[in-house]
Amino acid sequence: MKPRSQKSMELYDILLKRGYPEAFCDQITKNLNTDFTAGRMIGYLSHYKKLPLEEIVDEMLAILSDRNRIMQKKKMESVNASWNEHLMHGFEEEV
């Protein structure tokens, strides 16, 4: 698993200061280990003082699902661009 980003460590501190168990904070930030995903969770938490653990987990899963959709979209855009390039210029082989 990828090391935690700066934002992910910030998220860990926020969760810990709000009284969530250390093991819970650890698992959340292991999954939300990028600035993008941790930033989304920090934004979500900024609207609430205290949430049940289940709601935080649910939001974490939603964030990860969104991230996966974005990654798939970028991959498909790349494949589509490559296909369009082949349609325009043919399947020339390099010699």
Protein backbone atom coordinates (compact mmCIF):
# COMPACT_ATOMS: atom_id res chain seq x y z
CA MET A 1 0.00 0.00 0.00
CA LYS A 2 1.16 3.52 -0.80
CA PRO A 3 2.54 5.67 2.07
CA ARG A 4 0.22 8.30 3.50
CA SER A 5 0.29 11.80 2.08
CA GLN A 6 0.50 15.02 4.08
CA LYS A 7 -3.30 15.48 3.81
CA SER A 8 -3.82 11.91 4.92
CA MET A 9 -1.79 12.56 8.06
CA GLU A 10 -3.85 15.72 8.62
CA LEU A 11 -7.01 13.61 8.33
CA TYR A 12 -5.58 11.16 10.86
CA ASP A 13 -5.00 13.99 13.34
CA ILE A 14 -8.50 15.40 12.80
CA LEU A 15 -10.13 12.02 13.42
CA LEU A 16 -7.98 11.37 16.47
CA LYS A 17 -8.75 14.80 17.96
CA ARG A 18 -12.47 14.12 17.50
CA GLY A 19 -12.16 11.07 19.71
CA TYR A 20 -12.26 8.24 17.19
CA PRO A 21 -10.27 5.09 18.08
CA GLU A 22 -6.66 5.07 16.90
CA ALA A 23 -7.11 1.79 14.99
CA PHE A 24 -10.11 3.28 13.17
CA CYS A 25 -8.17 6.43 12.23
CA ASP A 26 -5.33 4.25 11.00
CA GLN A 27 -7.58 2.16 8.75
CA ILE A 28 -9.36 5.19 7.29
CA THR A 29 -6.10 6.93 6.41
CA LYS A 30 -4.56 3.73 5.02
CA ASN A 31 -7.39 3.71 2.49
CA LEU A 32 -7.55 7.47 1.93
CA ASN A 33 -3.80 7.83 1.49
CA THR A 34 -3.64 10.52 -1.21
CA ASP A 35 -4.13 14.26 -0.98
CA PHE A 36 -7.19 13.98 -3.21
CA THR A 37 -9.04 11.33 -1.21
CA ALA A 38 -8.01 12.63 2.21
CA GLY A 39 -8.96 16.17 1.17
CA ARG A 40 -12.41 14.98 0.17
CA MET A 41 -12.91 13.34 3.56
CA ILE A 42 -11.64 16.42 5.39
CA GLY A 43 -14.17 18.48 3.45
CA TYR A 44 -16.94 16.06 4.36
CA LEU A 45 -15.99 16.08 8.04
CA SER A 46 -15.91 19.89 8.11
CA HIS A 47 -19.71 19.90 7.93
CA TYR A 48 -20.16 17.78 11.07
CA LYS A 49 -18.92 17.78 14.67
CA LYS A 50 -19.23 14.05 15.37
CA LEU A 51 -20.39 11.25 13.10
CA PRO A 52 -20.96 7.57 13.79
CA LEU A 53 -18.12 5.33 12.60
CA GLU A 54 -20.42 3.75 10.03
CA GLU A 55 -21.08 7.07 8.31
CA ILE A 56 -17.37 7.81 8.02
CA VAL A 57 -16.76 4.36 6.55
CA ASP A 58 -19.67 4.85 4.14
CA GLU A 59 -18.21 8.17 2.96
CA MET A 60 -14.76 6.59 2.62
CA LEU A 61 -16.22 3.91 0.36
CA ALA A 62 -18.04 6.55 -1.70
CA ILE A 63 -14.81 8.55 -2.10
CA LEU A 64 -12.90 5.44 -3.19
CA SER A 65 -15.67 4.54 -5.62
CA ASP A 66 -15.55 8.05 -7.15
CA ARG A 67 -11.77 7.84 -7.42
CA ASN A 68 -12.02 4.49 -9.23
CA ARG A 69 -14.59 5.91 -11.65
CA ILE A 70 -12.32 8.89 -12.38
CA MET A 71 -9.37 6.57 -12.98
CA GLN A 72 -11.44 4.39 -15.33
CA LYS A 73 -12.65 7.47 -17.20
CA LYS A 74 -9.08 8.73 -17.68
CA LYS A 75 -7.98 5.30 -18.90
CA MET A 76 -10.87 5.10 -21.36
CA GLU A 77 -10.12 8.61 -22.62
CA SER A 78 -6.53 7.54 -23.26
CA VAL A 79 -7.63 4.39 -25.09
CA ASN A 80 -10.11 6.43 -27.13
CA ALA A 81 -7.42 8.97 -28.07
CA SER A 82 -5.12 6.15 -29.14
CA TRP A 83 -7.89 4.54 -31.19
CA ASN A 84 -8.68 7.88 -32.88
CA GLU A 85 -4.98 8.27 -33.70
CA HIS A 86 -5.00 4.84 -35.35
CA LEU A 87 -8.13 5.69 -37.32
CA MET A 88 -6.60 8.93 -38.59
CA HIS A 89 -3.15 7.57 -39.43
CA GLY A 90 -3.69 3.85 -39.80
CA PHE A 91 -1.85 1.02 -38.19
CA GLU A 92 1.60 1.88 -39.44
CA GLU A 93 4.27 -0.47 -38.21
CA GLU A 94 7.56 0.88 -37.02
CA VAL A 95 10.57 -0.42 -38.90
